[in-house]
Protein backbone atom coordinates (compact mmCIF):
# COMPACT_ATOMS: atom_id res chain seq x y z
CA MET A 1 -21.18 -66.44 63.79
CA LEU A 2 -21.26 -68.61 66.90
CA THR A 3 -21.03 -67.15 70.38
CA SER A 4 -18.61 -68.67 72.88
CA LYS A 5 -21.51 -70.22 74.78
CA GLN A 6 -22.88 -71.86 71.59
CA ARG A 7 -19.37 -73.05 70.65
CA ALA A 8 -18.96 -74.58 74.11
CA LYS A 9 -22.24 -76.48 73.73
CA LEU A 10 -21.19 -77.80 70.31
CA ARG A 11 -17.78 -78.84 71.67
CA SER A 12 -19.48 -80.83 74.45
CA LEU A 13 -21.76 -82.54 71.91
CA ALA A 14 -18.80 -83.33 69.63
CA ASN A 15 -16.82 -84.82 72.50
CA THR A 16 -18.74 -88.11 72.36
CA MET A 17 -19.09 -88.22 68.56
CA GLU A 18 -17.19 -90.61 66.31
CA THR A 19 -14.99 -89.27 63.55
CA ILE A 20 -16.87 -89.78 60.28
CA LEU A 21 -14.46 -88.49 57.65
CA GLN A 22 -10.68 -88.47 57.14
CA ILE A 23 -8.48 -86.20 55.08
CA GLY A 24 -5.61 -88.25 53.71
CA LYS A 25 -2.77 -87.91 51.23
CA GLY A 26 -5.20 -86.88 48.50
CA GLY A 27 -5.95 -83.72 50.43
CA ILE A 28 -9.12 -81.73 50.05
CA ASN A 29 -10.81 -82.33 46.72
CA ASP A 30 -14.30 -81.89 45.28
CA GLN A 31 -15.45 -85.34 46.39
CA LEU A 32 -14.42 -84.70 50.00
CA ILE A 33 -16.14 -81.31 50.00
CA LYS A 34 -19.32 -82.97 48.69
CA GLN A 35 -19.15 -85.62 51.46
CA VAL A 36 -18.63 -82.94 54.14
CA ASP A 37 -21.52 -80.90 52.71
CA ASP A 38 -23.86 -83.91 52.70
CA ALA A 39 -22.84 -84.90 56.23
CA LEU A 40 -23.42 -81.35 57.52
CA THR A 41 -26.89 -81.31 55.94
CA ALA A 42 -27.77 -84.60 57.61
CA ARG A 43 -26.09 -84.18 61.01
CA GLU A 44 -25.32 -80.44 61.44
CA LEU A 45 -22.24 -81.30 63.54
CA ILE A 46 -19.41 -83.48 62.24
CA LYS A 47 -15.92 -84.49 63.32
CA LEU A 48 -13.05 -85.05 60.87
CA HIS A 49 -9.51 -86.39 61.22
CA VAL A 50 -6.56 -85.03 59.28
CA LEU A 51 -4.05 -87.81 58.73
CA GLU A 52 -0.28 -87.26 58.97
CA THR A 53 0.07 -87.82 55.21
CA ALA A 54 -2.39 -85.00 54.32
CA PRO A 55 -0.81 -82.05 52.52
CA GLU A 56 -2.82 -79.56 54.66
CA THR A 57 -2.45 -78.85 58.35
CA PRO A 58 -5.65 -79.22 60.41
CA ARG A 59 -6.04 -75.40 60.64
CA GLU A 60 -5.62 -75.03 56.86
CA ALA A 61 -8.14 -77.83 56.27
CA MET A 62 -10.60 -76.13 58.64
CA GLY A 63 -10.34 -72.85 56.72
CA VAL A 64 -10.82 -74.49 53.33
CA LEU A 65 -13.76 -76.65 54.43
CA THR A 66 -15.61 -73.88 56.29
CA GLU A 67 -15.37 -71.64 53.24
CA ALA A 68 -16.32 -74.35 50.74
CA THR A 69 -19.31 -75.65 52.74
CA ASN A 70 -20.48 -72.35 54.29
CA SER A 71 -20.09 -73.85 57.78
CA GLU A 72 -18.85 -72.63 61.13
CA PRO A 73 -15.59 -73.78 62.72
CA VAL A 74 -16.14 -75.24 66.19
CA GLN A 75 -12.71 -76.48 67.21
CA VAL A 76 -9.39 -77.95 66.20
CA ILE A 77 -7.72 -80.29 68.69
CA GLY A 78 -4.57 -81.97 67.52
CA ARG A 79 -5.44 -83.47 64.12
CA ARG A 80 -9.21 -83.53 64.68
CA LEU A 81 -11.58 -80.78 63.66
CA VAL A 82 -15.27 -80.15 64.24
CA LEU A 83 -17.57 -78.28 61.87
CA TYR A 84 -21.16 -77.06 62.36
CA ARG A 85 -23.80 -75.82 59.92
CA ARG A 86 -27.42 -75.32 60.92
CA ASN A 87 -30.00 -77.16 58.81
CA GLU A 88 -32.61 -74.47 58.12
CA LYS A 89 -35.35 -76.95 57.10
CA GLU A 90 -35.02 -79.51 59.92
CA PRO A 91 -32.72 -78.30 62.71
CA VAL A 92 -31.39 -81.11 64.90
CA ILE A 93 -29.36 -79.09 67.45
CA GLN A 94 -30.98 -76.24 69.36
CA LEU A 95 -28.57 -73.45 70.18
CA ASP A 96 -30.09 -70.92 72.53
């Protein structure tokens, strides 16, 4: 569980990041979950965009993805969401 201070640091880091994945009309499927999982392993912090045509709302998508990838929700702003999962072997982001 992230503290509010850690979440604030992650939000500031995510502010300058590019969106790397989109959730479209196909919704959340196994392939998307695999892509999110791989991206979290490589980057620890990722930003996604939920398109208007997606069957899920951004909050619903956040819930499904955090549960499926064992990650932490950082924020949902509009149709963008940010996820974090610490890489235990090679941590990139130091949260102290």
